[in-house]
Amino acid sequence: MRKLLILLIALTTLSCGTVDRPQKPSATGRTGEMLVITPKSKWDGYAGNLIRNVFADTIQWLPQPEPYFNLIQLDESGFVKLFETHRNILFVDFDPAMERAKVESSRHVWSYPQRVIRVTVPDEAALQRVLENNRQSLIDMYVETERERLINAYGRMINFSARNLVRQKFQLDITVPEGYFVAKSAQDFVWLRQTGTRDDIDLGLLIYVLPYTHPDKDFNERTIWGRRDSITKMHIPGTFENSYMTTYPEFPPVFREINFNGSYAKEARGFWRVQNDFMGGPFINITYVDEATGRLVVLDGFVYRPNKDKRDYVRQVEALMYSVKPYTGETETDEEQPV
C-alpha cells in the first residue's frame, strides 16, 4: 500500500503541466460536485458506502454538517460524451482477475481544469484498503481542482489596487477579485475583505509577515495559535467595545503539514469567535517561509455566514490564499490592462 501511495503521487506529478490550456474546453459541473462512475449494484452496496465514507464524509472543521463533495453516480454505459467535461470524475472498476489494486490519476483529460482518477480493484476489500490508505491524498487532489477553477475565475476580474498594495507591501503577488477591498493596512499587515449586500456574509483574508527565526519555534503549533490570536486581537475588532476576534479555546485547531505552492507550510483549521460578542465561523491559517525574502508569511482566511452552509465560501477564501506567490515585477494599473 505504501508503493500504491507513492504511485498515486507520482502519477499526479507527471500529469501536471502537460496540457495546452486553449485546446481544452472549460470544465463543467456545479461547485463541489463529483461524478462517480461505477456499477449501480456496487454503488448500492458495501462499495458505495466505502466511497461515500470518504468523498461525502462530513468536513470536521465546519460548524454545520457539510460533505467534502456532492456525489452523483453513473454506470459506465451512462458516462456519455456530455459528462466527459465534468471537473471531478472518479472511476471505480472491479476486475476479479487482477492480483492487486491499480490507481491512475490524470489532469485535464477532456476539459480544464479537471481531475480524473481511476481506481481498479479485484474486490471490495482491496477498494477499502486503497481508500483508507490514500484518503486525504485523494480528497486533496479534487479540492485542488476546485481551487484551480476559482483562481482562474478570479483572474478574469482582478481588483488591481488591492493586488498592487500587496505587491508593494510584501513583494507577494495575489489574484484578488473584484468584490474584495482593503479593510485595513498596517505595518506588515493587510486585511482583505468581502461583505455581502443581499446575504449576511463576510469573507476575510489576513496577510502578515514576521522575521523568520527557527522552524522549531515558528512552526510550533502553540506558537501559531498564539500568534493568530495576538494578530486578530490587534487588528480585527468586533461590533462592541472590547470585542475582538479570537480562536475558540474549546475547539483547538487541527494542524497538518502541507505543500503550499512548492513550499513547506503548516496549516491550521478551526473555529473563530468574537470575544464579548456572538459572531463566529471557520478559519484556515497557513504559515510558510518566503524563500525570496527569508520572511515568515502567514495567511489567515475566515468566513462568517451564520446558520448557513459555508463549505464553498471557505474554498473561495482558500483559493485566494493559494493564489499568493512571490512577486518581483512591476505594479499594474487598471488603465494598463487590455479591454
Protein backbone atom coordinates (compact mmCIF):
# COMPACT_ATOMS: atom_id res chain seq x y z
CA MET A 1 0.00 0.00 0.00
CA ARG A 2 2.93 2.33 0.59
CA LYS A 3 4.00 1.69 -3.01
CA LEU A 4 0.46 2.49 -4.10
CA LEU A 5 0.57 5.86 -2.36
CA ILE A 6 3.91 6.67 -3.99
CA LEU A 7 2.48 5.64 -7.36
CA LEU A 8 -0.52 7.88 -6.85
CA ILE A 9 1.63 10.89 -6.05
CA ALA A 10 3.94 10.17 -8.97
CA LEU A 11 1.07 9.96 -11.42
CA THR A 12 -0.26 13.26 -10.15
CA THR A 13 3.09 14.98 -10.54
CA LEU A 14 3.74 13.67 -14.03
CA SER A 15 0.35 14.75 -15.29
CA CYS A 16 0.81 18.40 -14.27
CA GLY A 17 1.51 21.00 -16.92
CA THR A 18 1.25 18.65 -19.89
CA VAL A 19 -1.90 20.09 -21.44
CA ASP A 20 -2.16 23.17 -23.62
CA ARG A 21 -4.96 25.14 -21.99
CA PRO A 22 -6.55 26.59 -25.17
CA GLN A 23 -7.08 23.11 -26.61
CA LYS A 24 -9.41 22.07 -23.79
CA PRO A 25 -12.98 23.28 -23.19
CA SER A 26 -13.83 24.74 -19.79
CA ALA A 27 -14.79 22.16 -17.20
CA THR A 28 -18.45 21.77 -16.28
CA GLY A 29 -20.26 20.76 -13.12
CA ARG A 30 -21.54 22.54 -10.07
CA THR A 31 -19.27 23.68 -7.28
CA GLY A 32 -18.24 20.75 -5.08
CA GLU A 33 -19.80 18.16 -7.40
CA MET A 34 -18.15 14.83 -8.28
CA LEU A 35 -19.15 12.13 -10.76
CA VAL A 36 -18.60 8.54 -9.56
CA ILE A 37 -18.55 6.06 -12.43
CA THR A 38 -19.16 2.58 -11.01
CA PRO A 39 -21.81 -0.15 -11.38
CA LYS A 40 -25.15 0.66 -9.72
CA SER A 41 -25.10 -2.71 -7.96
CA LYS A 42 -21.79 -1.77 -6.30
CA TRP A 43 -22.92 1.77 -5.51
CA ASP A 44 -25.99 0.47 -3.67
CA GLY A 45 -23.89 -1.91 -1.59
CA TYR A 46 -20.74 -2.01 0.50
CA ALA A 47 -18.53 -0.44 -2.17
CA GLY A 48 -20.80 2.58 -2.41
CA ASN A 49 -20.64 3.02 1.35
CA LEU A 50 -16.84 2.96 1.20
CA ILE A 51 -16.81 5.67 -1.47
CA ARG A 52 -19.35 7.84 0.34
CA ASN A 53 -17.47 7.47 3.63
CA VAL A 54 -14.50 9.21 2.02
CA PHE A 55 -15.78 11.72 -0.53
CA ALA A 56 -19.14 12.55 1.07
CA ASP A 57 -17.85 12.47 4.61
CA THR A 58 -18.65 15.43 6.86
CA ILE A 59 -15.94 18.10 6.95
CA GLN A 60 -14.89 18.31 10.56
CA TRP A 61 -13.88 21.99 10.64
CA LEU A 62 -17.25 23.42 9.58
CA PRO A 63 -19.95 24.27 12.14
CA GLN A 64 -22.78 22.77 10.06
CA PRO A 65 -22.55 19.21 8.66
CA GLU A 66 -21.41 19.52 5.04
CA PRO A 67 -19.81 16.88 2.78
CA TYR A 68 -16.47 17.19 1.03
CA PHE A 69 -18.28 16.63 -2.28
CA ASN A 70 -21.78 16.13 -3.63
CA LEU A 71 -21.65 12.74 -5.36
CA ILE A 72 -23.51 11.70 -8.50
CA GLN A 73 -23.30 8.03 -9.54
CA LEU A 74 -23.31 6.86 -13.14
CA ASP A 75 -22.84 3.45 -14.73
CA GLU A 76 -20.04 3.22 -17.29
CA SER A 77 -22.66 2.90 -20.04
CA GLY A 78 -24.21 6.17 -18.89
CA PHE A 79 -20.92 8.07 -19.00
CA VAL A 80 -21.55 9.61 -22.40
CA LYS A 81 -19.66 12.46 -24.04
CA LEU A 82 -21.87 15.02 -22.29
CA PHE A 83 -20.27 14.11 -18.95
CA GLU A 84 -16.64 13.99 -20.09
CA THR A 85 -16.05 17.68 -19.39
CA HIS A 86 -17.12 17.42 -15.75
CA ARG A 87 -14.50 18.86 -13.42
CA ASN A 88 -14.22 15.96 -10.91
CA ILE A 89 -14.53 12.36 -12.10
CA LEU A 90 -13.86 9.15 -10.18
CA PHE A 91 -13.93 5.75 -11.89
CA VAL A 92 -14.15 2.69 -9.65
CA ASP A 93 -13.75 -0.54 -11.64
CA PHE A 94 -13.84 -4.15 -10.41
CA ASP A 95 -11.76 -6.83 -12.12
CA PRO A 96 -11.53 -10.15 -10.22
CA ALA A 97 -8.65 -11.23 -12.47
CA MET A 98 -6.37 -8.52 -11.07
CA GLU A 99 -3.81 -9.52 -8.45
CA ARG A 100 -3.51 -6.07 -6.90
CA ALA A 101 -5.19 -2.67 -6.97
CA LYS A 102 -4.27 -0.02 -9.52
CA VAL A 103 -4.72 3.75 -9.20
CA GLU A 104 -4.36 6.18 -12.10
CA SER A 105 -4.65 9.95 -11.71
CA SER A 106 -4.81 12.40 -14.62
CA ARG A 107 -5.45 16.10 -15.06
CA HIS A 108 -7.24 17.96 -17.86
CA VAL A 109 -8.16 14.83 -19.83
CA TRP A 110 -11.28 16.22 -21.52
CA SER A 111 -11.54 19.73 -20.08
CA TYR A 112 -9.76 22.34 -17.97
CA PRO A 113 -9.38 22.33 -15.03
CA GLN A 114 -10.20 18.67 -14.47
CA ARG A 115 -9.18 15.77 -12.25
CA VAL A 116 -9.86 12.18 -13.34
CA ILE A 117 -8.94 9.29 -11.04
CA ARG A 118 -9.49 5.64 -11.96
CA VAL A 119 -9.30 3.01 -9.23
CA THR A 120 -9.30 -0.60 -10.43
CA VAL A 121 -9.52 -3.30 -7.77
CA PRO A 122 -10.12 -7.07 -7.65
CA ASP A 123 -12.71 -6.82 -4.88
CA GLU A 124 -14.25 -4.58 -2.22
CA ALA A 125 -11.61 -5.46 0.37
CA ALA A 126 -8.94 -4.06 -1.94
CA LEU A 127 -11.06 -0.94 -2.53
CA GLN A 128 -11.29 -0.42 1.21
CA ARG A 129 -7.50 -0.61 1.57
CA VAL A 130 -6.96 1.87 -1.28
CA LEU A 131 -9.41 4.40 0.12
CA GLU A 132 -8.21 4.10 3.70
CA ASN A 133 -4.53 4.43 2.83
CA ASN A 134 -4.96 7.26 0.33
CA ARG A 135 -7.96 9.04 1.81
CA GLN A 136 -6.51 12.53 2.32
CA SER A 137 -4.44 12.48 -0.86
CA LEU A 138 -7.49 11.65 -2.96
CA ILE A 139 -9.60 14.34 -1.33
CA ASP A 140 -6.82 16.92 -1.66
CA MET A 141 -6.43 16.32 -5.40
CA TYR A 142 -10.09 17.01 -6.09
CA VAL A 143 -10.08 20.04 -3.77
CA GLU A 144 -7.05 21.34 -5.70
CA THR A 145 -9.08 21.24 -8.92
CA GLU A 146 -11.92 23.17 -7.25
CA ARG A 147 -9.36 25.72 -6.11
CA GLU A 148 -7.81 25.98 -9.57
CA ARG A 149 -11.21 26.78 -11.08
CA LEU A 150 -11.72 29.60 -8.58
CA ILE A 151 -8.26 31.11 -9.13
CA ASN A 152 -8.86 31.10 -12.89
CA ALA A 153 -12.17 32.88 -12.34
CA TYR A 154 -10.54 35.45 -10.05
CA GLY A 155 -8.01 36.22 -12.77
CA ARG A 156 -10.79 37.47 -15.04
CA MET A 157 -11.97 40.14 -12.57
CA ILE A 158 -8.96 41.47 -10.68
CA ASN A 159 -9.03 44.29 -8.15
CA PHE A 160 -5.78 45.91 -9.28
CA SER A 161 -5.47 48.44 -6.46
CA ALA A 162 -5.69 45.72 -3.79
CA ARG A 163 -3.27 43.49 -5.67
CA ASN A 164 -0.78 46.33 -6.12
CA LEU A 165 -0.92 47.13 -2.41
CA VAL A 166 0.02 43.54 -1.57
CA ARG A 167 2.79 43.60 -4.18
CA GLN A 168 4.29 46.83 -2.85
CA LYS A 169 3.96 45.98 0.84
CA PHE A 170 5.05 42.33 0.83
CA GLN A 171 6.63 41.62 -2.59
CA LEU A 172 3.94 38.98 -2.97
CA ASP A 173 1.56 38.53 -5.86
CA ILE A 174 -2.10 37.67 -5.30
CA THR A 175 -5.14 37.31 -7.53
CA VAL A 176 -7.65 39.50 -5.69
CA PRO A 177 -11.05 39.50 -7.40
CA GLU A 178 -13.41 42.43 -7.58
CA GLY A 179 -15.69 42.49 -4.56
CA TYR A 180 -12.79 42.38 -2.12
CA PHE A 181 -11.47 45.62 -0.67
CA VAL A 182 -8.66 46.61 1.69
CA ALA A 183 -10.32 46.81 5.10
CA LYS A 184 -7.10 47.65 6.92
CA SER A 185 -3.44 48.17 6.10
CA ALA A 186 -0.79 48.47 8.82
CA GLN A 187 2.90 47.73 9.16
CA ASP A 188 3.50 44.21 7.82
CA PHE A 189 -0.26 43.57 7.80
CA VAL A 190 -3.19 43.72 5.34
CA TRP A 191 -6.83 42.71 5.76
CA LEU A 192 -8.67 41.96 2.51
CA ARG A 193 -12.44 41.73 2.95
CA GLN A 194 -15.62 40.96 1.05
CA THR A 195 -19.05 41.61 2.51
CA GLY A 196 -22.45 40.64 1.16
CA THR A 197 -25.17 43.09 0.21
CA ARG A 198 -28.10 40.65 -0.02
CA ASP A 199 -26.79 37.99 2.34
CA ASP A 200 -25.31 38.12 5.83
CA ILE A 201 -21.78 37.11 4.78
CA ASP A 202 -18.25 38.28 5.45
CA LEU A 203 -15.12 36.77 3.89
CA GLY A 204 -11.69 37.84 5.03
CA LEU A 205 -8.03 37.20 4.33
CA LEU A 206 -5.28 38.47 6.61
CA ILE A 207 -1.72 38.67 5.29
CA TYR A 208 1.14 39.43 7.65
CA VAL A 209 4.88 38.86 7.70
CA LEU A 210 7.36 38.39 10.53
CA PRO A 211 11.08 37.72 10.86
CA TYR A 212 11.87 34.03 10.45
CA THR A 213 13.86 32.69 13.41
CA HIS A 214 13.82 28.89 13.72
CA PRO A 215 11.48 26.15 12.46
CA ASP A 216 11.06 24.61 15.91
CA LYS A 217 9.65 27.91 17.15
CA ASP A 218 7.96 29.46 14.12
CA PHE A 219 6.11 26.28 13.11
CA ASN A 220 5.26 25.17 16.64
CA GLU A 221 1.51 24.64 16.89
CA ARG A 222 1.13 26.59 20.14
CA THR A 223 3.15 29.44 18.64
CA ILE A 224 0.94 29.54 15.53
CA TRP A 225 -2.20 29.55 17.65
CA GLY A 226 -0.92 32.28 19.97
CA ARG A 227 0.37 34.34 17.05
CA ARG A 228 -3.03 34.21 15.37
CA ASP A 229 -4.87 35.35 18.50
CA SER A 230 -2.40 38.18 19.02
CA ILE A 231 -2.84 39.49 15.45
CA THR A 232 -6.63 39.19 15.36
CA LYS A 233 -6.99 40.88 18.75
CA MET A 234 -4.91 43.78 17.48
CA HIS A 235 -6.50 44.21 14.04
CA ILE A 236 -9.97 42.57 13.85
CA PRO A 237 -12.41 44.36 16.15
CA GLY A 238 -15.96 43.30 16.93
CA THR A 239 -19.07 45.44 16.96
CA PHE A 240 -18.91 46.33 20.65
CA GLU A 241 -16.28 47.92 22.83
CA ASN A 242 -13.54 45.50 23.94
CA SER A 243 -14.68 42.89 21.41
CA TYR A 244 -12.24 41.26 19.01
CA MET A 245 -11.65 38.08 17.02
CA THR A 246 -10.04 35.11 18.76
CA THR A 247 -9.81 31.33 18.38
CA TYR A 248 -12.35 29.12 20.13
CA PRO A 249 -10.39 27.64 23.07
CA GLU A 250 -12.95 24.83 23.45
CA PHE A 251 -12.22 23.62 19.89
CA PRO A 252 -8.43 23.53 19.35
CA PRO A 253 -7.32 23.96 15.72
CA VAL A 254 -6.39 20.91 13.67
CA PHE A 255 -2.84 21.16 12.30
CA ARG A 256 -1.10 19.39 9.44
CA GLU A 257 1.97 19.81 7.26
CA ILE A 258 1.23 20.71 3.64
CA ASN A 259 2.89 21.67 0.38
CA PHE A 260 1.92 25.29 -0.23
CA ASN A 261 2.75 26.20 -3.83
CA GLY A 262 6.03 24.29 -3.60
CA SER A 263 6.98 25.40 -0.08
CA TYR A 264 6.75 23.58 3.22
CA ALA A 265 3.91 25.00 5.30
CA LYS A 266 1.89 24.37 8.43
CA GLU A 267 -1.87 24.52 8.05
CA ALA A 268 -4.32 25.09 10.89
CA ARG A 269 -8.09 24.78 10.56
CA GLY A 270 -10.51 25.64 13.29
CA PHE A 271 -13.19 27.99 14.56
CA TRP A 272 -13.01 31.67 15.39
CA ARG A 273 -15.30 33.76 17.57
CA VAL A 274 -15.59 37.39 18.63
CA GLN A 275 -14.80 37.92 22.27
CA ASN A 276 -17.70 39.71 24.05
CA ASP A 277 -19.95 39.23 21.01
CA PHE A 278 -21.88 36.42 19.31
CA MET A 279 -20.13 36.11 15.96
CA GLY A 280 -18.09 33.11 14.81
CA GLY A 281 -17.20 30.73 11.99
CA PRO A 282 -14.42 28.64 10.40
CA PHE A 283 -10.88 29.76 9.59
CA ILE A 284 -7.78 28.49 7.76
CA ASN A 285 -4.29 29.57 8.74
CA ILE A 286 -1.23 28.82 6.57
CA THR A 287 2.31 29.59 7.74
CA TYR A 288 5.31 29.31 5.41
CA VAL A 289 8.70 30.88 4.67
CA ASP A 290 9.08 33.14 1.65
CA GLU A 291 12.43 31.93 0.31
CA ALA A 292 12.94 35.07 -1.77
CA THR A 293 12.97 37.34 1.30
CA GLY A 294 13.58 34.93 4.17
CA ARG A 295 10.47 36.15 5.99
CA LEU A 296 7.77 34.16 7.71
CA VAL A 297 4.47 34.68 5.86
CA VAL A 298 1.11 34.00 7.50
CA LEU A 299 -2.16 33.81 5.55
CA ASP A 300 -5.35 33.62 7.58
CA GLY A 301 -8.71 33.25 5.88
CA PHE A 302 -12.07 33.22 7.63
CA VAL A 303 -15.78 33.06 6.81
CA TYR A 304 -18.85 34.48 8.55
CA ARG A 305 -22.21 33.21 7.30
CA PRO A 306 -24.40 32.44 10.31
CA ASN A 307 -26.70 29.39 10.24
CA LYS A 308 -25.95 28.64 6.58
CA ASP A 309 -23.61 26.34 4.64
CA LYS A 310 -20.03 27.57 4.43
CA ARG A 311 -18.04 24.91 2.54
CA ASP A 312 -17.99 26.69 -0.80
CA TYR A 313 -17.15 30.06 0.78
CA VAL A 314 -14.27 28.54 2.73
CA ARG A 315 -12.94 27.16 -0.55
CA GLN A 316 -13.26 30.60 -2.13
CA VAL A 317 -11.10 32.10 0.60
CA GLU A 318 -8.70 29.18 0.36
CA ALA A 319 -8.32 29.78 -3.39
CA LEU A 320 -7.46 33.41 -2.66
CA MET A 321 -4.77 32.20 -0.26
CA TYR A 322 -3.32 29.75 -2.77
CA SER A 323 -3.09 32.47 -5.41
CA VAL A 324 -0.32 34.07 -3.30
CA LYS A 325 3.18 33.69 -4.74
CA PRO A 326 6.46 35.68 -4.87
CA TYR A 327 6.40 38.86 -6.95
CA THR A 328 9.39 40.62 -8.49
CA GLY A 329 7.87 42.60 -11.38
CA GLU A 330 6.29 45.97 -11.84
CA THR A 331 2.93 47.07 -10.46
CA GLU A 332 -0.04 47.41 -12.79
CA THR A 333 -2.91 49.84 -13.00
CA ASP A 334 -6.41 49.47 -14.35
CA GLU A 335 -5.52 51.67 -17.31
CA GLU A 336 -2.66 49.39 -18.33
CA GLN A 337 -4.94 46.38 -18.76
CA PRO A 338 -6.34 45.46 -22.17
CA VAL A 339 -10.10 45.86 -22.53
